[in-house]
């Protein structure tokens, strides 16, 4: 006797789970609780512009153009230009002022520097531990804030092209967020 699977031809779409939302009380006042300029800038870049921790660590000072309000994010051979709003521009200007005041002779090319990396002879980027510590003090993770930002935009617009342009994410990732934000629009009808 040979068993035939009656569900063999049924196609079921993948289950889309929502990334955990960051509670609004956690988001409110995060900048006020951050005590360093580098931490405030990292927080703005993650929570507003949805940059990854790796991208934040490897931003170059030369990639920031405050006169035009642009920040270029290097992603391998690709470049993603972020148009900074006034809020992030102000925080970036404050950080550059603090950086110059604290380490006037700093030649490290990275935008974010710490006490250790600012005058280091090899000019390394800040460590991931430093960024994790900054966000741990704020009771939020960088990936959680990034996901929350992209999901918020997906709920507002439901346009994958907008997400791809705004955050520089792939089409697959954009569709995952759209599906998670609007399951009723992306559900496949049963056959």
C-alpha atoms as a PDB file:
ATOM      1  CA  UNK A   1       0.000   0.000   0.000  1.00  0.00           C
ATOM      2  CA  UNK A   2       1.409   3.402  -1.007  1.00  0.00           C
ATOM      3  CA  UNK A   3       0.316   6.472   0.918  1.00  0.00           C
ATOM      4  CA  UNK A   4      -0.369   9.606  -1.121  1.00  0.00           C
ATOM      5  CA  UNK A   5      -0.133  12.937   0.636  1.00  0.00           C
ATOM      6  CA  UNK A   6      -3.388  14.830  -0.026  1.00  0.00           C
ATOM      7  CA  UNK A   7      -1.766  18.178   0.905  1.00  0.00           C
ATOM      8  CA  UNK A   8       1.104  17.762  -1.550  1.00  0.00           C
ATOM      9  CA  UNK A   9      -0.135  20.509  -3.916  1.00  0.00           C
ATOM     10  CA  UNK A  10      -1.210  23.017  -1.251  1.00  0.00           C
ATOM     11  CA  UNK A  11       1.048  26.038  -1.069  1.00  0.00           C
ATOM     12  CA  UNK A  12       1.088  27.942   2.192  1.00  0.00           C
ATOM     13  CA  UNK A  13       2.758  31.322   2.461  1.00  0.00           C
ATOM     14  CA  UNK A  14       5.473  31.733   5.052  1.00  0.00           C
ATOM     15  CA  UNK A  15       4.369  32.917   8.441  1.00  0.00           C
ATOM     16  CA  UNK A  16       5.422  36.512   8.923  1.00  0.00           C
ATOM     17  CA  UNK A  17       6.076  37.448  12.503  1.00  0.00           C
ATOM     18  CA  UNK A  18       6.331  41.050  13.563  1.00  0.00           C
ATOM     19  CA  UNK A  19       9.614  42.159  15.040  1.00  0.00           C
ATOM     20  CA  UNK A  20       9.076  43.069  18.682  1.00  0.00           C
ATOM     21  CA  UNK A  21       7.997  46.687  18.898  1.00  0.00           C
ATOM     22  CA  UNK A  22       9.949  49.020  21.110  1.00  0.00           C
ATOM     23  CA  UNK A  23       7.620  50.383  23.787  1.00  0.00           C
ATOM     24  CA  UNK A  24       6.953  54.087  23.368  1.00  0.00           C
ATOM     25  CA  UNK A  25       8.032  54.806  26.934  1.00  0.00           C
ATOM     26  CA  UNK A  26      11.459  53.368  26.094  1.00  0.00           C
ATOM     27  CA  UNK A  27      11.767  55.519  22.976  1.00  0.00           C
ATOM     28  CA  UNK A  28      10.641  58.658  24.772  1.00  0.00           C
ATOM     29  CA  UNK A  29      13.592  60.332  26.368  1.00  0.00           C
ATOM     30  CA  UNK A  30      16.326  57.979  25.115  1.00  0.00           C
ATOM     31  CA  UNK A  31      18.320  60.935  23.856  1.00  0.00           C
ATOM     32  CA  UNK A  32      17.902  62.754  27.147  1.00  0.00           C
ATOM     33  CA  UNK A  33      19.315  59.748  29.017  1.00  0.00           C
ATOM     34  CA  UNK A  34      22.331  59.394  26.743  1.00  0.00           C
ATOM     35  CA  UNK A  35      25.295  61.118  28.346  1.00  0.00           C
ATOM     36  CA  UNK A  36      27.751  61.086  25.422  1.00  0.00           C
ATOM     37  CA  UNK A  37      27.685  62.859  22.089  1.00  0.00           C
ATOM     38  CA  UNK A  38      28.795  59.710  20.274  1.00  0.00           C
ATOM     39  CA  UNK A  39      25.988  57.750  21.930  1.00  0.00           C
ATOM     40  CA  UNK A  40      23.408  60.363  20.979  1.00  0.00           C
ATOM     41  CA  UNK A  41      24.555  60.349  17.343  1.00  0.00           C
ATOM     42  CA  UNK A  42      24.582  56.537  17.198  1.00  0.00           C
ATOM     43  CA  UNK A  43      21.096  56.486  18.694  1.00  0.00           C
ATOM     44  CA  UNK A  44      19.781  58.970  16.119  1.00  0.00           C
ATOM     45  CA  UNK A  45      21.359  57.066  13.226  1.00  0.00           C
ATOM     46  CA  UNK A  46      19.846  53.770  14.368  1.00  0.00           C
ATOM     47  CA  UNK A  47      16.427  54.932  15.621  1.00  0.00           C
ATOM     48  CA  UNK A  48      15.740  57.492  12.871  1.00  0.00           C
ATOM     49  CA  UNK A  49      17.692  56.235   9.844  1.00  0.00           C
ATOM     50  CA  UNK A  50      17.765  52.483  10.670  1.00  0.00           C
ATOM     51  CA  UNK A  51      21.510  51.968  10.222  1.00  0.00           C
ATOM     52  CA  UNK A  52      23.038  48.693  11.364  1.00  0.00           C
ATOM     53  CA  UNK A  53      25.619  48.599  14.177  1.00  0.00           C
ATOM     54  CA  UNK A  54      28.344  47.745  11.642  1.00  0.00           C
ATOM     55  CA  UNK A  55      27.411  50.730   9.477  1.00  0.00           C
ATOM     56  CA  UNK A  56      27.406  53.100  12.458  1.00  0.00           C
ATOM     57  CA  UNK A  57      30.849  51.917  13.550  1.00  0.00           C
ATOM     58  CA  UNK A  58      32.369  52.301  10.075  1.00  0.00           C
ATOM     59  CA  UNK A  59      31.020  55.716   9.063  1.00  0.00           C
ATOM     60  CA  UNK A  60      33.797  58.054   8.001  1.00  0.00           C
ATOM     61  CA  UNK A  61      33.961  61.717   8.907  1.00  0.00           C
ATOM     62  CA  UNK A  62      34.445  62.461   5.193  1.00  0.00           C
ATOM     63  CA  UNK A  63      31.077  60.811   4.466  1.00  0.00           C
ATOM     64  CA  UNK A  64      29.222  63.456   6.484  1.00  0.00           C
ATOM     65  CA  UNK A  65      28.382  66.659   4.615  1.00  0.00           C
ATOM     66  CA  UNK A  66      26.535  68.959   7.006  1.00  0.00           C
ATOM     67  CA  UNK A  67      26.273  71.793   4.474  1.00  0.00           C
ATOM     68  CA  UNK A  68      24.156  69.591   2.179  1.00  0.00           C
ATOM     69  CA  UNK A  69      22.632  67.521   4.980  1.00  0.00           C
ATOM     70  CA  UNK A  70      23.891  64.236   3.511  1.00  0.00           C
ATOM     71  CA  UNK A  71      25.537  61.184   5.009  1.00  0.00           C
ATOM     72  CA  UNK A  72      26.947  58.504   2.696  1.00  0.00           C
ATOM     73  CA  UNK A  73      26.768  54.951   4.044  1.00  0.00           C
ATOM     74  CA  UNK A  74      29.199  52.518   2.437  1.00  0.00           C
ATOM     75  CA  UNK A  75      27.753  49.055   1.862  1.00  0.00           C
ATOM     76  CA  UNK A  76      30.437  47.073   0.120  1.00  0.00           C
ATOM     77  CA  UNK A  77      30.730  48.542  -3.370  1.00  0.00           C
ATOM     78  CA  UNK A  78      27.378  50.311  -3.078  1.00  0.00           C
ATOM     79  CA  UNK A  79      26.742  53.711  -1.512  1.00  0.00           C
ATOM     80  CA  UNK A  80      23.502  54.743   0.174  1.00  0.00           C
ATOM     81  CA  UNK A  81      22.942  58.467   0.686  1.00  0.00           C
ATOM     82  CA  UNK A  82      20.919  59.484   3.713  1.00  0.00           C
ATOM     83  CA  UNK A  83      19.299  62.905   3.713  1.00  0.00           C
ATOM     84  CA  UNK A  84      19.622  64.121   7.276  1.00  0.00           C
ATOM     85  CA  UNK A  85      16.783  66.048   8.811  1.00  0.00           C
ATOM     86  CA  UNK A  86      17.485  69.011  11.094  1.00  0.00           C
ATOM     87  CA  UNK A  87      17.313  66.891  14.259  1.00  0.00           C
ATOM     88  CA  UNK A  88      20.110  64.495  13.239  1.00  0.00           C
ATOM     89  CA  UNK A  89      22.149  67.316  11.685  1.00  0.00           C
ATOM     90  CA  UNK A  90      22.106  69.169  15.008  1.00  0.00           C
ATOM     91  CA  UNK A  91      23.207  66.075  16.922  1.00  0.00           C
ATOM     92  CA  UNK A  92      25.981  65.413  14.382  1.00  0.00           C
ATOM     93  CA  UNK A  93      27.200  69.013  14.671  1.00  0.00           C
ATOM     94  CA  UNK A  94      27.199  68.762  18.476  1.00  0.00           C
ATOM     95  CA  UNK A  95      29.206  65.519  18.277  1.00  0.00           C
ATOM     96  CA  UNK A  96      31.795  66.988  15.895  1.00  0.00           C
ATOM     97  CA  UNK A  97      32.192  69.985  18.207  1.00  0.00           C
ATOM     98  CA  UNK A  98      32.631  67.706  21.238  1.00  0.00           C
ATOM     99  CA  UNK A  99      35.058  65.473  19.325  1.00  0.00           C
ATOM    100  CA  UNK A 100      37.209  68.439  18.319  1.00  0.00           C
ATOM    101  CA  UNK A 101      37.139  69.878  21.848  1.00  0.00           C
ATOM    102  CA  UNK A 102      38.136  66.572  23.488  1.00  0.00           C
ATOM    103  CA  UNK A 103      40.687  65.405  20.903  1.00  0.00           C
ATOM    104  CA  UNK A 104      41.859  68.400  18.840  1.00  0.00           C
ATOM    105  CA  UNK A 105      44.738  66.407  17.320  1.00  0.00           C
ATOM    106  CA  UNK A 106      42.596  63.380  16.385  1.00  0.00           C
ATOM    107  CA  UNK A 107      43.301  62.092  12.872  1.00  0.00           C
ATOM    108  CA  UNK A 108      41.104  58.997  13.111  1.00  0.00           C
ATOM    109  CA  UNK A 109      38.984  58.978   9.929  1.00  0.00           C
ATOM    110  CA  UNK A 110      35.948  57.362  11.577  1.00  0.00           C
ATOM    111  CA  UNK A 111      33.015  59.562  12.558  1.00  0.00           C
ATOM    112  CA  UNK A 112      32.562  57.967  15.970  1.00  0.00           C
ATOM    113  CA  UNK A 113      35.614  57.698  18.173  1.00  0.00           C
ATOM    114  CA  UNK A 114      36.106  56.804  21.801  1.00  0.00           C
ATOM    115  CA  UNK A 115      38.769  57.697  24.315  1.00  0.00           C
ATOM    116  CA  UNK A 116      40.660  54.579  23.220  1.00  0.00           C
ATOM    117  CA  UNK A 117      40.294  54.895  19.434  1.00  0.00           C
ATOM    118  CA  UNK A 118      40.688  58.679  19.089  1.00  0.00           C
ATOM    119  CA  UNK A 119      44.457  58.762  19.523  1.00  0.00           C
ATOM    120  CA  UNK A 120      45.260  55.121  18.706  1.00  0.00           C
ATOM    121  CA  UNK A 121      48.133  54.820  16.230  1.00  0.00           C
ATOM    122  CA  UNK A 122      46.238  52.295  14.038  1.00  0.00           C
ATOM    123  CA  UNK A 123      43.113  54.506  13.911  1.00  0.00           C
ATOM    124  CA  UNK A 124      40.510  51.765  14.487  1.00  0.00           C
ATOM    125  CA  UNK A 125      36.731  52.304  14.507  1.00  0.00           C
ATOM    126  CA  UNK A 126      34.944  52.253  17.844  1.00  0.00           C
ATOM    127  CA  UNK A 127      34.372  48.770  19.193  1.00  0.00           C
ATOM    128  CA  UNK A 128      31.017  47.056  19.040  1.00  0.00           C
ATOM    129  CA  UNK A 129      31.312  46.639  22.812  1.00  0.00           C
ATOM    130  CA  UNK A 130      31.323  50.414  23.264  1.00  0.00           C
ATOM    131  CA  UNK A 131      28.141  50.777  21.214  1.00  0.00           C
ATOM    132  CA  UNK A 132      26.463  47.847  22.985  1.00  0.00           C
ATOM    133  CA  UNK A 133      27.330  49.370  26.359  1.00  0.00           C
ATOM    134  CA  UNK A 134      25.863  52.712  25.285  1.00  0.00           C
ATOM    135  CA  UNK A 135      22.583  51.106  24.243  1.00  0.00           C
ATOM    136  CA  UNK A 136      22.489  48.764  27.259  1.00  0.00           C
ATOM    137  CA  UNK A 137      22.543  51.841  29.507  1.00  0.00           C
ATOM    138  CA  UNK A 138      19.487  53.055  27.594  1.00  0.00           C
ATOM    139  CA  UNK A 139      17.629  49.710  27.997  1.00  0.00           C
ATOM    140  CA  UNK A 140      17.330  49.235  24.223  1.00  0.00           C
ATOM    141  CA  UNK A 141      19.182  47.219  21.617  1.00  0.00           C
ATOM    142  CA  UNK A 142      20.362  48.644  18.319  1.00  0.00           C
ATOM    143  CA  UNK A 143      18.734  45.893  16.264  1.00  0.00           C
ATOM    144  CA  UNK A 144      15.432  46.323  18.093  1.00  0.00           C
ATOM    145  CA  UNK A 145      15.389  50.077  17.435  1.00  0.00           C
ATOM    146  CA  UNK A 146      16.334  49.540  13.784  1.00  0.00           C
ATOM    147  CA  UNK A 147      13.588  46.969  13.236  1.00  0.00           C
ATOM    148  CA  UNK A 148      11.054  49.172  14.971  1.00  0.00           C
ATOM    149  CA  UNK A 149      11.926  52.115  12.722  1.00  0.00           C
ATOM    150  CA  UNK A 150      11.588  50.121   9.494  1.00  0.00           C
ATOM    151  CA  UNK A 151       8.372  48.494  10.690  1.00  0.00           C
ATOM    152  CA  UNK A 152       6.916  51.883  11.605  1.00  0.00           C
ATOM    153  CA  UNK A 153       7.588  53.162   8.091  1.00  0.00           C
ATOM    154  CA  UNK A 154       6.159  49.960   6.571  1.00  0.00           C
ATOM    155  CA  UNK A 155       2.942  50.429   8.554  1.00  0.00           C
ATOM    156  CA  UNK A 156       2.639  54.020   7.310  1.00  0.00           C
ATOM    157  CA  UNK A 157       3.264  53.561   3.601  1.00  0.00           C
ATOM    158  CA  UNK A 158       3.048  49.869   2.585  1.00  0.00           C
ATOM    159  CA  UNK A 159       5.349  50.660  -0.351  1.00  0.00           C
ATOM    160  CA  UNK A 160       8.395  48.373  -0.640  1.00  0.00           C
ATOM    161  CA  UNK A 161      10.152  50.757  -3.062  1.00  0.00           C
ATOM    162  CA  UNK A 162       9.925  53.551  -0.514  1.00  0.00           C
ATOM    163  CA  UNK A 163      11.483  51.316   2.150  1.00  0.00           C
ATOM    164  CA  UNK A 164      14.253  50.306  -0.247  1.00  0.00           C
ATOM    165  CA  UNK A 165      15.065  53.932  -1.108  1.00  0.00           C
ATOM    166  CA  UNK A 166      14.718  55.260   2.424  1.00  0.00           C
ATOM    167  CA  UNK A 167      16.716  52.598   4.259  1.00  0.00           C
ATOM    168  CA  UNK A 168      18.775  51.053   1.459  1.00  0.00           C
ATOM    169  CA  UNK A 169      17.426  47.561   2.189  1.00  0.00           C
ATOM    170  CA  UNK A 170      16.940  44.747  -0.304  1.00  0.00           C
ATOM    171  CA  UNK A 171      13.639  43.979  -1.996  1.00  0.00           C
ATOM    172  CA  UNK A 172      13.299  40.751  -0.009  1.00  0.00           C
ATOM    173  CA  UNK A 173      13.757  42.564   3.287  1.00  0.00           C
ATOM    174  CA  UNK A 174      11.351  45.320   2.270  1.00  0.00           C
ATOM    175  CA  UNK A 175       8.678  42.765   1.355  1.00  0.00           C
ATOM    176  CA  UNK A 176       9.208  40.960   4.666  1.00  0.00           C
ATOM    177  CA  UNK A 177       8.488  44.177   6.548  1.00  0.00           C
ATOM    178  CA  UNK A 178       5.479  45.018   4.351  1.00  0.00           C
ATOM    179  CA  UNK A 179       4.087  41.514   4.901  1.00  0.00           C
ATOM    180  CA  UNK A 180       4.611  41.800   8.635  1.00  0.00           C
ATOM    181  CA  UNK A 181       3.010  45.247   8.804  1.00  0.00           C
ATOM    182  CA  UNK A 182       0.084  44.445   6.490  1.00  0.00           C
ATOM    183  CA  UNK A 183      -0.650  40.708   6.636  1.00  0.00           C
ATOM    184  CA  UNK A 184      -4.177  41.271   5.295  1.00  0.00           C
ATOM    185  CA  UNK A 185      -2.839  42.772   2.052  1.00  0.00           C
ATOM    186  CA  UNK A 186      -0.138  40.219   1.377  1.00  0.00           C
ATOM    187  CA  UNK A 187      -1.893  36.987   2.353  1.00  0.00           C
ATOM    188  CA  UNK A 188      -2.125  34.485  -0.470  1.00  0.00           C
ATOM    189  CA  UNK A 189      -5.590  33.065  -1.154  1.00  0.00           C
ATOM    190  CA  UNK A 190      -5.870  29.286  -0.695  1.00  0.00           C
ATOM    191  CA  UNK A 191      -5.927  27.207  -3.872  1.00  0.00           C
END
